[in-house]
């Protein structure tokens, strides 16, 4: 799974959690993390229509388009975006697992996305003239 697909999945799952019928949804941790991800993308990456998943969180076409926008803007390479996506995925998995059904994914897919983020956030070792920096 690519970083772009992972961030798009986090946005889809966050949107699915948000559209559950409840007046208190804005106060749920998974929705708060999703809204923070939307805000981060809006502030830093204007070329990403991050809220496009809200009308149809299960739309594979929208998720593909969103992944393309994330790739074009390089938003999915941002450590901040990856960390916030990780929070969304973790909260949805813990507090709103029914959202997975809405997006047509299973826990293994979310686990793969979390592993992708973890691998992307690992510190890289640079070698300069044989010395690790």
Protein backbone atom coordinates (compact mmCIF):
# COMPACT_ATOMS: atom_id res chain seq x y z
CA UNK A 1 0.00 0.00 0.00
CA UNK A 2 1.35 3.45 -0.88
CA UNK A 3 1.36 6.47 1.40
CA UNK A 4 -1.25 8.09 -0.86
CA UNK A 5 -3.57 5.09 -0.57
CA UNK A 6 -3.05 5.05 3.19
CA UNK A 7 -3.94 8.73 3.67
CA UNK A 8 -6.93 8.36 1.34
CA UNK A 9 -8.09 5.37 3.40
CA UNK A 10 -7.77 7.39 6.62
CA UNK A 11 -9.86 10.15 5.07
CA UNK A 12 -12.50 7.67 3.87
CA UNK A 13 -12.74 6.00 7.28
CA UNK A 14 -12.85 9.36 9.06
CA UNK A 15 -15.65 10.50 6.76
CA UNK A 16 -17.56 7.27 7.42
CA UNK A 17 -17.21 7.77 11.18
CA UNK A 18 -18.37 11.37 10.87
CA UNK A 19 -21.55 10.63 8.91
CA UNK A 20 -22.94 8.28 11.54
CA UNK A 21 -26.25 9.78 12.65
CA UNK A 22 -25.58 11.41 15.98
CA UNK A 23 -25.56 15.04 17.04
CA UNK A 24 -22.50 14.42 19.21
CA UNK A 25 -20.33 12.98 16.41
CA UNK A 26 -18.08 16.06 16.37
CA UNK A 27 -16.97 15.24 19.92
CA UNK A 28 -15.90 11.64 19.22
CA UNK A 29 -12.10 11.19 19.22
CA UNK A 30 -12.03 9.51 15.81
CA UNK A 31 -14.03 12.37 14.27
CA UNK A 32 -11.88 14.98 16.02
CA UNK A 33 -8.74 13.35 14.57
CA UNK A 34 -10.35 13.22 11.12
CA UNK A 35 -11.29 16.91 11.30
CA UNK A 36 -7.72 17.72 12.31
CA UNK A 37 -6.47 15.84 9.24
CA UNK A 38 -8.91 17.77 7.03
CA UNK A 39 -7.70 21.05 8.54
CA UNK A 40 -4.03 20.13 8.10
CA UNK A 41 -4.56 19.28 4.44
CA UNK A 42 -6.64 22.43 3.82
CA UNK A 43 -3.98 24.66 5.40
CA UNK A 44 -0.98 23.06 3.73
CA UNK A 45 -2.18 21.42 0.51
CA UNK A 46 -4.82 23.44 -1.31
CA UNK A 47 -4.76 21.04 -4.26
CA UNK A 48 -6.28 18.26 -2.17
CA UNK A 49 -10.07 18.08 -1.89
CA UNK A 50 -9.88 16.05 1.32
CA UNK A 51 -13.58 16.27 2.14
CA UNK A 52 -14.63 14.61 -1.14
CA UNK A 53 -15.13 11.34 0.72
CA UNK A 54 -17.93 12.67 2.93
CA UNK A 55 -20.81 12.20 0.47
CA UNK A 56 -19.69 8.64 -0.35
CA UNK A 57 -17.04 7.21 2.01
CA UNK A 58 -17.18 3.82 0.27
CA UNK A 59 -16.50 5.17 -3.22
CA UNK A 60 -13.40 3.52 -4.66
CA UNK A 61 -13.36 6.07 -7.51
CA UNK A 62 -13.26 8.99 -5.08
CA UNK A 63 -10.54 7.31 -3.05
CA UNK A 64 -8.47 6.79 -6.22
CA UNK A 65 -8.93 10.44 -7.22
CA UNK A 66 -7.99 11.56 -3.72
CA UNK A 67 -4.84 9.40 -3.82
CA UNK A 68 -3.90 11.07 -7.13
CA UNK A 69 -4.31 14.52 -5.57
CA UNK A 70 -2.21 13.46 -2.59
CA UNK A 71 0.51 12.19 -4.95
CA UNK A 72 0.48 15.34 -7.12
CA UNK A 73 0.76 17.67 -4.14
CA UNK A 74 3.20 15.37 -2.30
CA UNK A 75 0.95 15.67 0.77
CA UNK A 76 1.35 11.97 1.57
CA UNK A 77 5.10 12.49 1.94
CA UNK A 78 4.51 14.87 4.84
CA UNK A 79 5.36 13.40 8.24
CA UNK A 80 2.62 15.53 9.81
CA UNK A 81 0.01 14.21 7.36
CA UNK A 82 1.18 10.64 7.93
CA UNK A 83 1.12 11.00 11.72
CA UNK A 84 -2.37 12.49 11.65
CA UNK A 85 -3.57 9.76 9.28
CA UNK A 86 -2.15 7.21 11.70
CA UNK A 87 -4.17 8.75 14.55
CA UNK A 88 -7.35 8.63 12.45
CA UNK A 89 -6.82 4.98 11.55
CA UNK A 90 -6.05 3.99 15.14
CA UNK A 91 -9.07 5.82 16.56
CA UNK A 92 -11.47 4.48 13.94
CA UNK A 93 -10.22 0.96 14.50
CA UNK A 94 -10.60 1.28 18.27
CA UNK A 95 -13.83 3.28 18.51
CA UNK A 96 -15.72 3.00 15.24
CA UNK A 97 -15.00 -0.39 13.64
CA UNK A 98 -18.38 -0.31 11.88
CA UNK A 99 -16.89 2.43 9.67
CA UNK A 100 -14.75 -0.25 8.03
CA UNK A 101 -17.90 -1.84 6.61
CA UNK A 102 -18.98 1.52 5.18
CA UNK A 103 -15.68 1.83 3.32
CA UNK A 104 -15.66 -1.84 2.32
CA UNK A 105 -12.36 -2.71 4.01
CA UNK A 106 -11.40 -5.12 6.75
CA UNK A 107 -9.11 -4.86 9.78
CA UNK A 108 -6.24 -6.44 7.83
CA UNK A 109 -6.36 -3.57 5.34
CA UNK A 110 -6.23 -1.01 8.14
CA UNK A 111 -3.36 -2.93 9.75
CA UNK A 112 -1.51 -2.82 6.42
CA UNK A 113 -2.10 0.94 6.22
CA UNK A 114 -0.78 1.43 9.74
CA UNK A 115 2.31 -0.62 8.89
CA UNK A 116 2.87 1.50 5.77
CA UNK A 117 2.78 4.64 7.90
CA UNK A 118 5.03 3.13 10.55
CA UNK A 119 7.60 2.17 7.90
CA UNK A 120 7.40 5.64 6.34
CA UNK A 121 7.92 7.37 9.67
CA UNK A 122 10.92 5.27 10.71
CA UNK A 123 14.05 7.34 10.89
CA UNK A 124 16.23 6.78 7.88
CA UNK A 125 19.93 6.18 8.21
CA UNK A 126 22.12 8.16 5.90
CA UNK A 127 25.63 7.07 5.14
CA UNK A 128 28.18 9.74 4.32
CA UNK A 129 31.67 8.49 3.59
CA UNK A 130 30.94 5.31 5.50
CA UNK A 131 29.72 7.10 8.61
CA UNK A 132 26.13 6.71 9.69
CA UNK A 133 24.56 10.08 10.41
